[in-house]
N, C-alpha and C. Protein backbone atom coordinates (compact mmCIF):
# COMPACT_ATOMS: atom_id res chain seq x y z
N MET A 1 72.00 115.98 79.17
CA MET A 1 73.33 115.80 78.53
C MET A 1 74.49 115.43 79.85
N TYR A 2 74.51 116.57 80.34
CA TYR A 2 75.42 116.82 81.87
C TYR A 2 75.50 115.58 82.90
N LYS A 3 74.04 114.91 83.07
CA LYS A 3 74.24 114.06 83.96
C LYS A 3 74.98 112.60 83.22
N PRO A 4 74.50 112.05 82.09
CA PRO A 4 75.14 110.98 81.58
C PRO A 4 76.63 111.04 81.25
N MET A 5 76.97 112.52 80.81
CA MET A 5 78.59 112.48 80.75
C MET A 5 79.01 112.29 81.94
N VAL A 6 78.82 112.86 83.19
CA VAL A 6 79.29 112.97 84.34
C VAL A 6 79.08 111.53 85.08
N ALA A 7 78.08 110.86 84.83
CA ALA A 7 77.98 109.53 84.83
C ALA A 7 78.82 108.43 84.47
N LEU A 8 78.74 108.57 83.07
CA LEU A 8 79.88 107.98 82.29
C LEU A 8 81.17 108.32 82.99
N ALA A 9 81.65 109.13 82.96
CA ALA A 9 83.19 109.61 83.66
C ALA A 9 83.27 108.51 84.65
N LEU A 10 82.15 108.91 85.80
CA LEU A 10 82.34 108.75 86.98
C LEU A 10 82.33 106.92 87.07
N SER A 11 81.51 106.36 86.30
CA SER A 11 81.37 105.00 86.34
C SER A 11 82.45 104.57 85.83
N GLY A 12 83.04 105.23 84.90
CA GLY A 12 84.42 104.73 84.63
C GLY A 12 85.83 104.22 85.29
N ALA A 13 85.06 105.34 86.54
CA ALA A 13 86.01 105.45 87.65
C ALA A 13 86.10 103.80 88.51
N LEU A 14 87.30 103.23 88.68
CA LEU A 14 87.64 102.19 89.28
C LEU A 14 86.64 102.27 90.77
N LEU A 15 86.15 102.33 92.77
CA LEU A 15 86.36 103.18 93.47
C LEU A 15 85.26 102.92 94.03
N VAL A 16 82.95 101.66 98.92
CA VAL A 16 81.84 100.82 99.33
C VAL A 16 81.67 101.76 100.66
N GLY A 17 80.54 102.41 101.05
CA GLY A 17 80.13 103.23 101.90
C GLY A 17 80.97 104.33 102.51
N GLY A 18 81.96 104.98 102.05
CA GLY A 18 82.74 105.83 102.50
C GLY A 18 84.09 105.15 103.39
N CYS A 19 84.70 104.00 103.38
CA CYS A 19 85.88 103.24 103.75
C CYS A 19 86.60 102.44 103.34
N ALA A 20 87.56 102.87 103.02
CA ALA A 20 88.57 101.95 102.22
C ALA A 20 89.23 100.79 102.90
N SER A 21 89.33 99.91 102.64
CA SER A 21 90.04 98.59 102.76
C SER A 21 91.51 98.53 102.66
N VAL A 22 92.03 100.05 103.21
CA VAL A 22 93.59 99.40 103.16
C VAL A 22 94.04 100.13 104.29
N PHE A 23 94.76 98.88 104.69
CA PHE A 23 95.63 98.92 105.94
C PHE A 23 96.53 99.47 106.34
N GLY A 24 96.75 99.77 107.55
CA GLY A 24 97.99 100.79 108.15
C GLY A 24 99.25 99.96 107.60
N ASP A 25 99.51 98.60 107.30
CA ASP A 25 100.61 98.19 107.17
C ASP A 25 101.01 98.36 105.73
N GLY A 26 99.95 99.00 104.79
CA GLY A 26 100.28 98.80 103.47
C GLY A 26 100.05 98.10 102.40
N ARG A 27 99.98 97.04 103.22
CA ARG A 27 99.98 95.67 102.34
C ARG A 27 98.39 94.86 102.11
N GLY A 28 97.21 95.96 102.25
CA GLY A 28 95.88 95.41 102.00
C GLY A 28 95.46 95.18 100.88
N PRO A 29 94.20 95.06 100.71
CA PRO A 29 93.64 94.88 99.44
C PRO A 29 93.45 96.30 99.02
N GLY A 30 94.27 96.68 97.44
CA GLY A 30 94.26 98.00 96.97
C GLY A 30 95.39 99.01 97.57
N SER A 31 96.24 98.16 98.28
CA SER A 31 97.51 99.10 99.00
C SER A 31 98.04 100.04 97.73
N GLU A 32 98.17 99.32 96.48
CA GLU A 32 99.25 100.05 95.64
C GLU A 32 98.37 101.06 94.74
N LEU A 33 97.05 101.25 94.83
CA LEU A 33 96.57 102.44 94.81
C LEU A 33 96.48 103.94 95.32
N VAL A 34 97.14 103.58 96.64
CA VAL A 34 96.91 104.92 97.69
C VAL A 34 98.20 105.65 97.11
N ASP A 35 97.78 106.90 96.78
CA ASP A 35 98.26 108.09 96.29
C ASP A 35 99.13 107.71 94.80
N ARG A 36 98.10 107.32 94.28
CA ARG A 36 98.75 106.83 92.68
C ARG A 36 97.49 107.24 92.13
N SER A 37 97.51 107.19 91.11
CA SER A 37 96.59 107.50 90.00
C SER A 37 96.32 106.41 88.99
N VAL A 38 95.34 106.11 88.45
CA VAL A 38 94.71 105.53 87.84
C VAL A 38 94.32 106.42 85.93
N ARG A 39 94.48 105.74 85.35
CA ARG A 39 93.78 106.23 83.70
C ARG A 39 92.76 105.42 83.33
N LEU A 40 91.65 106.10 82.80
CA LEU A 40 90.82 105.33 82.53
C LEU A 40 89.72 105.85 81.06
N GLU A 41 89.92 104.73 80.53
CA GLU A 41 89.63 104.97 78.81
C GLU A 41 88.47 104.03 78.85
N PRO A 42 87.35 105.07 78.44
CA PRO A 42 85.78 104.08 78.42
C PRO A 42 85.89 103.94 76.74
N ALA A 43 84.96 102.93 76.62
CA ALA A 43 84.94 102.45 75.39
C ALA A 43 84.33 103.68 74.39
N ARG A 44 83.07 104.46 74.78
CA ARG A 44 82.77 105.67 74.26
C ARG A 44 82.60 106.76 75.60
N GLY A 45 83.47 108.18 74.93
CA GLY A 45 83.51 109.06 75.87
C GLY A 45 84.72 109.21 76.38
N GLN A 46 84.64 110.53 77.37
CA GLN A 46 86.31 111.19 77.75
C GLN A 46 87.04 109.80 78.47
N ALA A 47 88.41 110.06 78.55
CA ALA A 47 88.90 109.63 79.32
C ALA A 47 89.26 110.40 80.90
N SER A 48 89.50 109.61 82.10
CA SER A 48 89.54 110.29 82.84
C SER A 48 91.00 110.26 83.69
N THR A 49 90.96 110.56 84.88
CA THR A 49 92.04 110.04 85.76
C THR A 49 91.63 110.13 87.40
N LEU A 50 91.80 109.17 87.94
CA LEU A 50 91.62 108.70 89.16
C LEU A 50 92.63 108.82 90.16
N HIS A 51 92.26 109.96 90.86
CA HIS A 51 93.68 109.99 92.16
C HIS A 51 93.15 109.36 93.50
N PHE A 52 93.68 108.16 94.12
CA PHE A 52 93.25 107.41 95.07
C PHE A 52 93.78 108.26 96.81
N ASN A 53 93.77 108.16 97.44
CA ASN A 53 94.01 109.07 98.87
C ASN A 53 93.87 107.74 99.70
N ARG A 54 94.88 107.99 100.65
CA ARG A 54 94.88 107.07 101.74
C ARG A 54 93.60 106.98 102.62
N ASP A 55 92.64 107.89 103.10
CA ASP A 55 91.52 108.05 103.79
C ASP A 55 90.26 107.56 103.09
N GLY A 56 90.64 107.09 101.84
CA GLY A 56 89.41 106.08 101.16
C GLY A 56 88.91 107.71 100.48
N SER A 57 88.82 108.31 100.08
CA SER A 57 88.49 109.48 99.07
C SER A 57 89.02 108.90 98.21
N VAL A 58 88.56 109.57 96.67
CA VAL A 58 88.79 109.55 95.71
C VAL A 58 88.31 110.62 94.82
N ARG A 59 89.60 111.30 93.95
CA ARG A 59 89.41 112.50 92.86
C ARG A 59 89.11 111.95 91.33
N SER A 60 88.03 112.00 90.80
CA SER A 60 88.19 112.11 89.49
C SER A 60 88.16 113.25 88.52
N VAL A 61 89.34 113.48 87.60
CA VAL A 61 89.36 114.24 87.04
C VAL A 61 88.89 114.37 85.26
N PHE A 62 87.94 114.95 84.56
CA PHE A 62 87.56 114.55 83.32
C PHE A 62 87.37 115.82 82.69
N GLY A 63 88.42 115.98 81.70
CA GLY A 63 88.44 117.45 81.03
C GLY A 63 88.57 118.46 81.94
N ASN A 64 87.67 119.30 82.34
CA ASN A 64 87.85 120.50 83.17
C ASN A 64 86.98 120.28 84.41
N ARG A 65 86.23 119.28 84.28
CA ARG A 65 85.84 119.08 85.48
C ARG A 65 86.50 118.10 86.23
N GLU A 66 85.70 117.89 87.20
CA GLU A 66 86.34 116.88 88.76
C GLU A 66 84.91 116.43 89.58
N ALA A 67 85.10 115.30 90.11
CA ALA A 67 84.37 114.95 91.43
C ALA A 67 85.01 114.61 92.38
N MET A 68 84.43 114.50 93.46
CA MET A 68 84.99 113.56 94.80
C MET A 68 84.26 112.53 95.22
N GLY A 69 84.74 111.35 95.44
CA GLY A 69 83.97 110.21 95.78
C GLY A 69 84.94 109.37 97.10
N ARG A 70 84.07 107.90 97.05
CA ARG A 70 84.87 107.13 98.20
C ARG A 70 85.36 105.87 97.52
N TRP A 71 86.28 105.04 97.79
CA TRP A 71 86.51 104.40 97.03
C TRP A 71 87.08 102.96 98.33
N ALA A 72 86.77 102.15 98.30
CA ALA A 72 87.07 100.64 99.20
C ALA A 72 87.55 99.25 97.80
N VAL A 73 88.13 98.40 98.57
CA VAL A 73 88.32 97.36 98.29
C VAL A 73 87.29 96.16 99.09
N ARG A 74 86.31 95.52 98.61
CA ARG A 74 86.44 94.23 99.27
C ARG A 74 85.70 93.17 98.58
N ARG A 75 86.05 91.91 98.58
CA ARG A 75 85.44 90.79 98.46
C ARG A 75 86.11 91.09 96.93
N LYS A 76 86.74 91.01 96.48
CA LYS A 76 87.56 91.09 95.37
C LYS A 76 87.00 91.87 94.31
N GLN A 77 86.47 93.25 94.91
CA GLN A 77 85.80 94.09 93.83
C GLN A 77 86.60 95.45 94.49
N LEU A 78 86.67 96.26 93.83
CA LEU A 78 86.90 97.88 93.45
C LEU A 78 85.52 98.68 93.40
N CYS A 79 85.02 99.16 94.32
CA CYS A 79 84.12 100.05 94.59
C CYS A 79 83.89 101.41 94.90
N PHE A 80 83.46 102.24 94.07
CA PHE A 80 83.31 103.92 94.40
C PHE A 80 81.90 104.25 94.48
N THR A 81 81.83 105.28 95.45
CA THR A 81 80.79 105.58 95.66
C THR A 81 80.72 107.17 95.69
N TRP A 82 79.97 107.78 94.67
CA TRP A 82 79.95 108.90 94.24
C TRP A 82 78.50 109.71 94.23
N ALA A 83 78.75 111.18 94.90
CA ALA A 83 78.01 111.81 95.36
C ALA A 83 76.70 111.74 96.04
N GLY A 84 77.19 110.65 96.98
CA GLY A 84 76.49 109.77 98.08
C GLY A 84 76.03 109.01 98.14
N ASN A 85 75.39 108.69 96.67
CA ASN A 85 74.78 107.13 96.56
C ASN A 85 74.86 106.46 95.49
N PHE A 86 75.65 106.97 94.44
CA PHE A 86 75.95 106.56 93.08
C PHE A 86 76.82 105.66 93.00
N ARG A 87 76.81 104.12 93.11
CA ARG A 87 77.87 103.23 93.38
C ARG A 87 78.26 102.32 92.54
N GLU A 88 79.18 102.18 92.25
CA GLU A 88 79.59 101.11 90.82
C GLU A 88 81.28 100.33 91.46
N CYS A 89 80.87 98.94 91.33
CA CYS A 89 82.01 98.38 91.47
C CYS A 89 82.63 97.27 89.95
N TRP A 90 83.85 96.76 90.50
CA TRP A 90 84.52 96.25 89.44
C TRP A 90 85.32 94.99 90.10
N PRO A 91 85.77 93.95 89.08
CA PRO A 91 86.48 92.82 89.27
C PRO A 91 87.74 93.26 89.84
N TYR A 92 87.92 92.69 91.08
CA TYR A 92 89.30 93.46 91.51
C TYR A 92 90.30 91.83 92.15
N ALA A 93 90.17 91.14 91.01
CA ALA A 93 90.84 89.71 92.03
C ALA A 93 92.57 89.88 92.23
N ILE A 94 93.04 90.56 91.27
CA ILE A 94 94.64 90.65 91.68
C ILE A 94 94.94 92.23 91.37
N PRO A 95 95.93 92.63 91.79
CA PRO A 95 96.32 93.96 92.41
C PRO A 95 96.58 94.57 90.58
N LEU A 96 96.83 95.88 90.57
CA LEU A 96 96.84 96.84 89.12
C LEU A 96 98.81 96.74 89.31
N GLN A 97 99.45 96.74 88.50
CA GLN A 97 100.59 96.77 88.40
C GLN A 97 100.81 98.05 87.49
N PRO A 98 102.09 98.96 87.60
CA PRO A 98 102.13 100.10 87.10
C PRO A 98 102.43 99.79 85.79
N GLY A 99 101.58 100.89 84.74
CA GLY A 99 101.96 100.38 83.24
C GLY A 99 100.78 99.30 82.54
N GLN A 100 100.31 98.58 83.24
CA GLN A 100 99.96 97.64 82.57
C GLN A 100 98.52 97.86 82.53
N THR A 101 98.19 97.78 80.97
CA THR A 101 96.56 97.96 80.81
C THR A 101 95.83 96.86 81.03
N ARG A 102 94.48 96.76 81.65
CA ARG A 102 93.43 95.83 81.69
C ARG A 102 92.22 96.58 81.16
N THR A 103 91.34 95.63 80.59
CA THR A 103 90.30 95.60 80.01
C THR A 103 89.03 95.08 81.13
N ILE A 104 88.14 95.67 81.90
CA ILE A 104 87.31 95.43 83.10
C ILE A 104 86.37 96.15 83.16
N THR A 105 84.91 94.91 83.37
CA THR A 105 83.43 95.73 83.20
C THR A 105 83.06 95.97 84.52
N SER A 106 82.38 96.54 84.70
CA SER A 106 81.36 97.03 86.04
C SER A 106 80.38 96.13 86.06
N ASP A 107 79.93 96.20 87.29
CA ASP A 107 78.65 95.62 87.88
C ASP A 107 77.39 96.25 86.98
N ARG A 108 77.84 97.11 86.49
CA ARG A 108 76.55 98.41 85.72
C ARG A 108 77.05 98.10 84.31
N GLY A 109 77.96 97.23 84.00
CA GLY A 109 77.80 97.14 82.40
C GLY A 109 79.15 97.94 81.81
N ASN A 110 79.59 99.03 82.26
CA ASN A 110 80.54 99.71 81.94
C ASN A 110 82.15 99.33 81.45
N ALA A 111 82.34 98.95 80.53
CA ALA A 111 83.66 98.53 80.06
C ALA A 111 85.09 99.75 79.90
N VAL A 112 85.97 99.79 80.53
CA VAL A 112 87.05 100.69 80.45
C VAL A 112 88.15 100.03 80.31
N LYS A 113 89.32 100.37 79.67
CA LYS A 113 90.81 100.14 79.96
C LYS A 113 91.27 100.68 80.95
N VAL A 114 92.10 100.27 82.21
CA VAL A 114 92.77 100.89 82.91
C VAL A 114 94.15 100.76 83.08
N THR A 115 94.83 102.01 83.22
CA THR A 115 96.24 101.74 83.62
C THR A 115 96.52 102.32 84.73
N LEU A 116 97.32 101.95 85.77
CA LEU A 116 97.82 102.12 86.93
C LEU A 116 99.02 103.07 86.44
N ARG A 117 98.92 103.96 87.12
CA ARG A 117 100.50 105.17 87.02
C ARG A 117 101.43 105.12 87.70
């Protein structure tokens, strides 16, 4: 039961191989995410919050639990790698806007509502 719940929370995470494509000038793909948080609401399961760091790391907080992973934007996808090898990518053609909620579906079929804070 624990693994599916963690997988759902982590896969809800919007979030490739450990290096973020955020450029030093702050204008690269995903630059609006750096040092910000995103709230994720899955169709079923617990909401979570992702905290994006400049170094490409991401922290997911869901309930009293948290997990660390890596995030990157590449080829119009926001990809996350969790626990070293669980990877999931989300469509990311245009930047997120603060306060705007979008519904997106990952390459694993997980749908979430995403809001940049």
